[in-house]
N, C-alpha and C. Protein backbone atom coordinates (compact mmCIF):
# COMPACT_ATOMS: atom_id res chain seq x y z
N PRO A 1 10.26 0.31 -2.27
CA PRO A 1 9.09 0.75 -3.26
C PRO A 1 7.85 0.15 -1.99
N MET A 2 7.42 -0.38 -1.53
CA MET A 2 5.68 -0.86 -1.17
C MET A 2 5.66 -0.04 -0.72
N LEU A 3 6.39 0.62 0.40
CA LEU A 3 6.08 1.78 1.28
C LEU A 3 5.92 3.29 0.71
N GLY A 4 6.71 3.70 -0.72
CA GLY A 4 6.86 4.56 -0.93
C GLY A 4 8.12 5.73 -0.44
N VAL A 5 9.02 4.59 -0.81
CA VAL A 5 10.24 4.94 0.29
C VAL A 5 11.44 5.24 -0.61
N GLU A 6 12.08 6.44 -1.14
CA GLU A 6 13.17 5.84 -1.50
C GLU A 6 14.47 6.39 -1.05
N PRO A 7 15.64 5.47 -1.01
CA PRO A 7 16.55 5.36 -0.79
C PRO A 7 17.88 6.92 -0.93
N VAL A 8 18.08 7.81 0.19
CA VAL A 8 19.11 9.08 0.04
C VAL A 8 20.01 8.81 -0.70
N ARG A 9 20.54 7.48 -0.56
CA ARG A 9 22.24 7.49 -1.60
C ARG A 9 21.48 5.78 -2.00
N GLY A 10 22.06 5.45 -2.76
CA GLY A 10 22.28 4.31 -3.57
C GLY A 10 20.70 3.71 -4.00
N ARG A 11 20.61 2.36 -3.82
CA ARG A 11 19.30 1.66 -4.19
C ARG A 11 18.73 1.33 -3.07
N VAL A 12 17.51 0.27 -3.53
CA VAL A 12 17.35 -0.65 -2.87
C VAL A 12 17.37 -1.75 -2.72
N PHE A 13 17.17 -2.54 -2.16
CA PHE A 13 16.92 -4.42 -2.97
C PHE A 13 16.35 -4.39 -3.98
N GLY A 14 17.04 -5.43 -4.77
CA GLY A 14 15.74 -6.02 -5.99
C GLY A 14 15.59 -7.17 -5.77
N PRO A 15 15.10 -8.00 -6.49
CA PRO A 15 14.89 -9.51 -6.59
C PRO A 15 16.10 -10.46 -6.75
N ALA A 16 16.98 -10.12 -7.13
CA ALA A 16 18.10 -11.04 -7.35
C ALA A 16 19.01 -10.47 -5.89
N ASP A 17 19.12 -9.68 -5.45
CA ASP A 17 19.41 -9.81 -3.85
C ASP A 17 19.12 -10.81 -3.71
N ALA A 18 17.84 -11.27 -3.31
CA ALA A 18 17.15 -12.34 -2.23
C ALA A 18 17.18 -13.26 -3.17
N GLU A 19 18.02 -14.01 -3.98
CA GLU A 19 18.33 -15.19 -4.41
C GLU A 19 19.51 -16.22 -3.87
N PRO A 20 19.81 -16.86 -3.24
CA PRO A 20 19.79 -18.44 -2.87
C PRO A 20 21.48 -17.67 -3.07
N GLY A 21 22.48 -17.71 -2.96
CA GLY A 21 23.78 -17.46 -3.13
C GLY A 21 24.35 -15.84 -3.86
N ALA A 22 23.16 -15.12 -3.96
CA ALA A 22 23.75 -14.03 -3.51
C ALA A 22 24.58 -13.20 -3.13
N PRO A 23 25.31 -12.39 -3.59
CA PRO A 23 26.52 -11.82 -2.90
C PRO A 23 25.21 -11.07 -2.34
N ALA A 24 26.59 -10.55 -0.81
CA ALA A 24 25.26 -10.19 0.18
C ALA A 24 25.49 -8.61 -0.04
N VAL A 25 24.35 -8.01 0.61
CA VAL A 25 24.26 -6.23 0.40
C VAL A 25 23.27 -6.15 1.79
N ALA A 26 23.31 -4.78 2.44
CA ALA A 26 22.86 -4.26 3.24
C ALA A 26 22.59 -2.92 2.61
N ILE A 27 21.56 -2.15 3.76
CA ILE A 27 21.20 -1.09 3.83
C ILE A 27 20.75 -0.95 4.98
N LEU A 28 21.16 0.83 5.13
CA LEU A 28 22.11 1.90 6.43
C LEU A 28 20.48 2.53 6.34
N SER A 29 20.17 2.90 7.66
CA SER A 29 19.88 3.95 8.13
C SER A 29 20.42 5.06 7.98
N TYR A 30 19.74 6.57 7.98
CA TYR A 30 20.30 7.77 7.90
C TYR A 30 21.47 7.94 9.19
N ALA A 31 20.91 7.31 10.57
CA ALA A 31 21.57 7.80 11.67
C ALA A 31 22.44 6.86 11.70
N LEU A 32 22.73 5.72 10.79
CA LEU A 32 23.89 4.50 11.18
C LEU A 32 24.97 5.51 10.17
N TRP A 33 24.11 6.20 9.00
CA TRP A 33 25.46 6.54 7.84
C TRP A 33 25.82 7.68 8.20
N GLN A 34 25.29 8.02 9.64
CA GLN A 34 25.71 9.83 10.12
C GLN A 34 26.67 9.35 11.04
N ARG A 35 26.47 8.41 11.87
CA ARG A 35 27.45 7.44 13.06
C ARG A 35 28.64 6.69 12.46
N ARG A 36 28.21 5.98 11.41
CA ARG A 36 29.55 5.24 11.02
C ARG A 36 30.49 5.69 10.25
N TYR A 37 29.64 6.30 9.25
CA TYR A 37 30.46 7.01 8.21
C TYR A 37 30.57 8.39 7.91
N GLY A 38 29.84 9.25 8.62
CA GLY A 38 30.44 10.52 8.74
C GLY A 38 29.06 11.12 7.48
N GLY A 39 27.73 10.32 7.15
CA GLY A 39 27.01 10.71 5.92
C GLY A 39 28.14 10.97 4.58
N ARG A 40 29.62 10.12 4.63
CA ARG A 40 30.05 10.28 3.26
C ARG A 40 29.19 9.51 2.23
N ASP A 41 29.62 10.18 0.97
CA ASP A 41 28.58 9.24 -0.37
C ASP A 41 29.39 7.98 -0.51
N ASP A 42 30.81 8.09 -0.55
CA ASP A 42 31.37 6.44 -0.30
C ASP A 42 30.82 5.71 0.37
N ALA A 43 29.89 5.70 0.89
CA ALA A 43 29.73 4.40 2.16
C ALA A 43 29.19 3.78 1.18
N VAL A 44 28.77 4.12 0.20
CA VAL A 44 27.61 3.47 -0.65
C VAL A 44 28.49 2.33 -1.39
N GLY A 45 28.64 0.95 -1.41
CA GLY A 45 29.90 0.69 -2.31
C GLY A 45 30.67 0.19 -1.71
N LYS A 46 30.37 0.60 -0.03
CA LYS A 46 31.94 0.12 1.04
C LYS A 46 31.55 -1.50 0.52
N VAL A 47 32.22 -2.31 1.64
CA VAL A 47 32.25 -3.79 1.70
C VAL A 47 32.25 -4.08 3.05
N GLU A 48 32.08 -4.22 4.12
CA GLU A 48 31.81 -4.38 5.48
C GLU A 48 31.38 -5.79 5.99
N VAL A 49 32.57 -6.53 6.81
CA VAL A 49 32.09 -7.58 7.28
C VAL A 49 30.84 -8.00 8.25
N MET A 50 29.66 -8.47 7.70
CA MET A 50 28.21 -8.30 8.93
C MET A 50 28.23 -10.36 8.85
N ASN A 51 28.24 -10.81 10.13
CA ASN A 51 28.23 -12.32 10.63
C ASN A 51 29.06 -12.93 10.09
N GLY A 52 30.71 -12.30 9.93
CA GLY A 52 31.62 -13.55 9.48
C GLY A 52 31.23 -13.02 7.58
N GLN A 53 30.53 -12.93 6.85
CA GLN A 53 30.65 -12.38 5.41
C GLN A 53 30.77 -11.03 5.10
N PRO A 54 31.26 -10.67 3.74
CA PRO A 54 31.68 -9.59 3.26
C PRO A 54 30.15 -9.04 2.33
N THR A 55 29.85 -7.93 3.00
CA THR A 55 28.66 -7.09 2.62
C THR A 55 28.81 -6.02 1.89
N THR A 56 28.25 -5.85 0.96
CA THR A 56 28.46 -4.17 0.53
C THR A 56 26.93 -3.40 0.55
N ILE A 57 27.69 -2.33 1.04
CA ILE A 57 26.47 -1.55 1.50
C ILE A 57 25.79 -0.79 -0.02
N VAL A 58 24.24 -1.21 -0.27
CA VAL A 58 23.80 -0.56 -1.62
C VAL A 58 22.97 0.34 -1.41
N GLY A 59 22.50 0.97 -0.30
CA GLY A 59 21.69 2.26 -0.17
C GLY A 59 21.48 2.63 1.54
N VAL A 60 21.25 4.00 1.21
CA VAL A 60 21.07 4.43 2.84
C VAL A 60 19.32 5.17 3.07
N MET A 61 18.41 4.52 3.85
CA MET A 61 16.97 5.38 3.99
C MET A 61 17.60 6.71 4.02
N PRO A 62 16.28 7.69 4.19
CA PRO A 62 15.83 9.18 4.17
C PRO A 62 15.98 9.07 5.64
N GLN A 63 16.58 9.76 6.70
CA GLN A 63 16.39 10.53 7.67
C GLN A 63 15.34 10.64 8.37
N GLY A 64 14.51 9.70 9.42
CA GLY A 64 13.32 9.29 9.88
C GLY A 64 12.53 8.26 9.69
N PHE A 65 13.00 7.40 8.49
CA PHE A 65 12.50 6.46 8.22
C PHE A 65 13.07 5.20 9.45
N SER A 66 11.64 4.40 9.04
CA SER A 66 11.99 3.47 10.46
C SER A 66 10.57 2.15 10.16
N PHE A 67 11.48 0.89 9.98
CA PHE A 67 10.19 0.18 9.22
C PHE A 67 11.03 -1.34 9.75
N PRO A 68 10.03 -2.43 10.20
CA PRO A 68 8.95 -2.20 10.90
C PRO A 68 8.76 -1.91 12.27
N GLU A 69 10.14 -1.53 12.58
CA GLU A 69 10.08 -0.74 14.30
C GLU A 69 11.53 -0.42 14.32
N ARG A 70 12.11 0.32 14.80
CA ARG A 70 13.74 1.04 15.20
C ARG A 70 14.40 0.40 14.42
N GLN A 71 15.38 0.66 13.05
CA GLN A 71 16.40 -0.50 12.73
C GLN A 71 17.59 0.66 12.44
N ASP A 72 18.32 0.41 12.24
CA ASP A 72 19.65 1.04 11.64
C ASP A 72 20.40 0.23 10.33
N LEU A 73 20.01 -1.49 10.12
CA LEU A 73 20.31 -1.90 8.84
C LEU A 73 18.95 -3.03 8.44
N TRP A 74 19.14 -3.03 6.92
CA TRP A 74 18.22 -4.15 6.65
C TRP A 74 18.84 -5.03 5.19
N THR A 75 18.99 -6.03 5.01
CA THR A 75 19.42 -6.94 4.50
C THR A 75 18.19 -7.50 3.99
N PRO A 76 18.43 -8.84 2.62
CA PRO A 76 17.45 -9.32 2.24
C PRO A 76 16.80 -10.26 2.63
N LEU A 77 15.54 -10.30 2.87
CA LEU A 77 15.71 -12.02 3.65
C LEU A 77 15.73 -13.42 2.07
N VAL A 78 16.52 -13.89 2.49
CA VAL A 78 16.94 -14.86 1.02
C VAL A 78 16.47 -16.08 1.65
N PRO A 79 15.18 -16.56 1.08
CA PRO A 79 14.99 -17.57 1.27
C PRO A 79 15.06 -18.60 1.39
N LYS A 80 14.58 -19.56 2.20
CA LYS A 80 15.34 -21.08 2.09
C LYS A 80 14.34 -22.48 1.89
N ARG A 81 14.89 -23.55 2.11
CA ARG A 81 13.76 -24.37 1.21
C ARG A 81 12.61 -24.05 1.41
N VAL A 82 11.59 -24.21 0.62
CA VAL A 82 9.63 -24.01 0.67
C VAL A 82 8.87 -25.08 2.10
N GLU A 83 9.52 -26.15 1.75
CA GLU A 83 8.45 -27.09 2.64
C GLU A 83 9.61 -26.83 4.29
N ALA A 84 10.54 -26.20 4.41
CA ALA A 84 11.17 -26.04 5.48
C ALA A 84 9.89 -24.34 5.80
N GLU A 85 9.86 -23.77 5.06
CA GLU A 85 9.47 -22.54 5.69
C GLU A 85 7.96 -22.45 5.75
N ARG A 86 7.03 -23.19 5.09
CA ARG A 86 5.66 -23.69 5.35
C ARG A 86 5.64 -23.05 6.35
N ALA A 87 5.48 -24.24 7.42
CA ALA A 87 5.03 -23.75 9.07
C ALA A 87 5.82 -22.76 9.60
N SER A 88 6.43 -21.72 8.96
CA SER A 88 7.58 -21.00 9.76
C SER A 88 6.27 -19.87 9.88
N HIS A 89 5.94 -18.96 11.17
CA HIS A 89 5.36 -17.87 11.30
C HIS A 89 6.32 -16.28 11.60
N SER A 90 7.63 -17.03 11.24
CA SER A 90 8.17 -15.78 12.09
C SER A 90 8.13 -14.62 10.97
N HIS A 91 7.68 -14.44 9.94
CA HIS A 91 7.90 -13.60 9.20
C HIS A 91 6.29 -12.68 8.33
N PRO A 92 6.97 -11.61 8.88
CA PRO A 92 5.11 -10.62 8.67
C PRO A 92 5.01 -10.51 7.53
N GLY A 93 3.90 -10.46 7.88
CA GLY A 93 3.85 -9.67 5.71
C GLY A 93 3.01 -8.78 5.90
N PHE A 94 3.24 -7.99 4.61
CA PHE A 94 2.77 -6.17 4.74
C PHE A 94 2.28 -6.10 3.30
N ALA A 95 1.32 -4.89 3.40
CA ALA A 95 1.09 -4.80 2.13
C ALA A 95 0.53 -3.69 2.10
N ARG A 96 -0.27 -2.90 0.80
CA ARG A 96 -0.81 -1.66 0.91
C ARG A 96 -1.25 -1.98 0.00
N LEU A 97 -3.34 -1.51 -0.23
CA LEU A 97 -4.42 -1.30 0.01
C LEU A 97 -4.59 -0.56 -1.13
N ARG A 98 -4.69 -1.39 -2.76
CA ARG A 98 -5.05 -0.66 -3.80
C ARG A 98 -5.77 0.90 -4.48
N PRO A 99 -5.93 1.85 -4.64
CA PRO A 99 -6.71 3.04 -4.67
C PRO A 99 -8.08 2.46 -4.63
N GLY A 100 -8.75 2.79 -4.37
CA GLY A 100 -9.69 2.76 -3.90
C GLY A 100 -10.56 1.53 -3.16
N ALA A 101 -8.86 0.64 -2.51
CA ALA A 101 -10.32 -0.83 -1.76
C ALA A 101 -10.37 -0.54 -0.49
N THR A 102 -11.51 -1.10 -0.06
CA THR A 102 -11.54 -1.04 1.92
C THR A 102 -10.09 -2.04 1.77
N LEU A 103 -10.51 -2.27 3.32
CA LEU A 103 -9.69 -2.75 4.03
C LEU A 103 -10.92 -3.91 4.53
N ASP A 104 -12.10 -4.12 4.39
CA ASP A 104 -12.76 -5.39 4.41
C ASP A 104 -12.40 -6.14 2.90
N GLU A 105 -12.44 -5.34 2.36
CA GLU A 105 -12.35 -5.68 0.87
C GLU A 105 -10.90 -7.10 0.93
N ALA A 106 -9.96 -6.30 1.25
CA ALA A 106 -8.43 -6.79 1.13
C ALA A 106 -8.91 -8.11 2.36
N ASN A 107 -9.02 -7.90 3.16
CA ASN A 107 -9.37 -8.97 4.59
C ASN A 107 -10.03 -10.23 3.82
N ALA A 108 -11.05 -9.92 2.86
CA ALA A 108 -11.47 -11.03 2.38
C ALA A 108 -11.01 -11.49 1.20
N GLU A 109 -10.01 -10.77 0.61
CA GLU A 109 -9.02 -11.42 -0.22
C GLU A 109 -7.88 -12.55 0.19
N LEU A 110 -7.58 -11.94 1.15
CA LEU A 110 -6.09 -12.46 2.11
C LEU A 110 -7.13 -13.87 2.44
N ALA A 111 -8.38 -14.07 3.04
CA ALA A 111 -9.21 -15.05 3.72
C ALA A 111 -9.01 -16.05 2.43
N GLY A 112 -9.57 -15.35 1.14
CA GLY A 112 -9.40 -16.50 0.20
C GLY A 112 -8.16 -17.49 -0.09
N LEU A 113 -7.34 -16.36 -0.14
CA LEU A 113 -5.62 -16.70 0.00
C LEU A 113 -5.31 -17.43 0.94
N ALA A 114 -5.62 -17.40 2.36
CA ALA A 114 -5.20 -18.20 3.29
C ALA A 114 -5.80 -19.58 3.09
N ALA A 115 -7.35 -19.35 2.36
CA ALA A 115 -7.72 -20.86 2.70
C ALA A 115 -7.43 -21.92 0.99
N ARG A 116 -6.89 -21.24 0.19
CA ARG A 116 -6.70 -21.57 -1.29
C ARG A 116 -5.05 -22.16 -0.89
N LEU A 117 -4.11 -21.49 0.19
CA LEU A 117 -2.81 -22.22 1.02
C LEU A 117 -3.35 -23.03 1.49
N ALA A 118 -4.01 -22.57 2.45
CA ALA A 118 -3.86 -24.04 3.66
C ALA A 118 -4.30 -25.98 2.44
N LEU A 119 -5.46 -25.64 1.47
CA LEU A 119 -5.50 -26.59 1.17
C LEU A 119 -4.39 -26.98 -0.16
N ALA A 120 -3.70 -26.23 -0.48
CA ALA A 120 -2.55 -26.78 -1.47
C ALA A 120 -0.96 -27.28 -0.14
N HIS A 121 -1.46 -27.19 0.92
CA HIS A 121 -0.21 -26.94 1.84
C HIS A 121 -0.95 -27.40 3.15
N PRO A 122 -1.55 -28.55 3.28
CA PRO A 122 -2.07 -28.91 4.38
C PRO A 122 -0.66 -29.15 5.51
């Protein structure tokens, strides 16, 4: 939803999908949906074993969609312990500018947020 892209089949991830212990789900690229499932509608809802875990396919993204780079499959990022993640810089952030906002305004807002986080979590 942040990117303004809707799946051609099924759904995107919801907040419950990223909860620890939630059932594993995945979204396919259009290309993978065509290659592996022949574009069949019944691919959504299918359970496949991924990384040794039963995973339900919940959606298919539109043809040509690629984010953040060429991807064939997406799974939710399930957070781990907050303390362990605070020092991690392995997950980039993405945002959209609100209508009328400038990049300079957004950068200033992010700088303030980063300063508050640094104070709260030295």
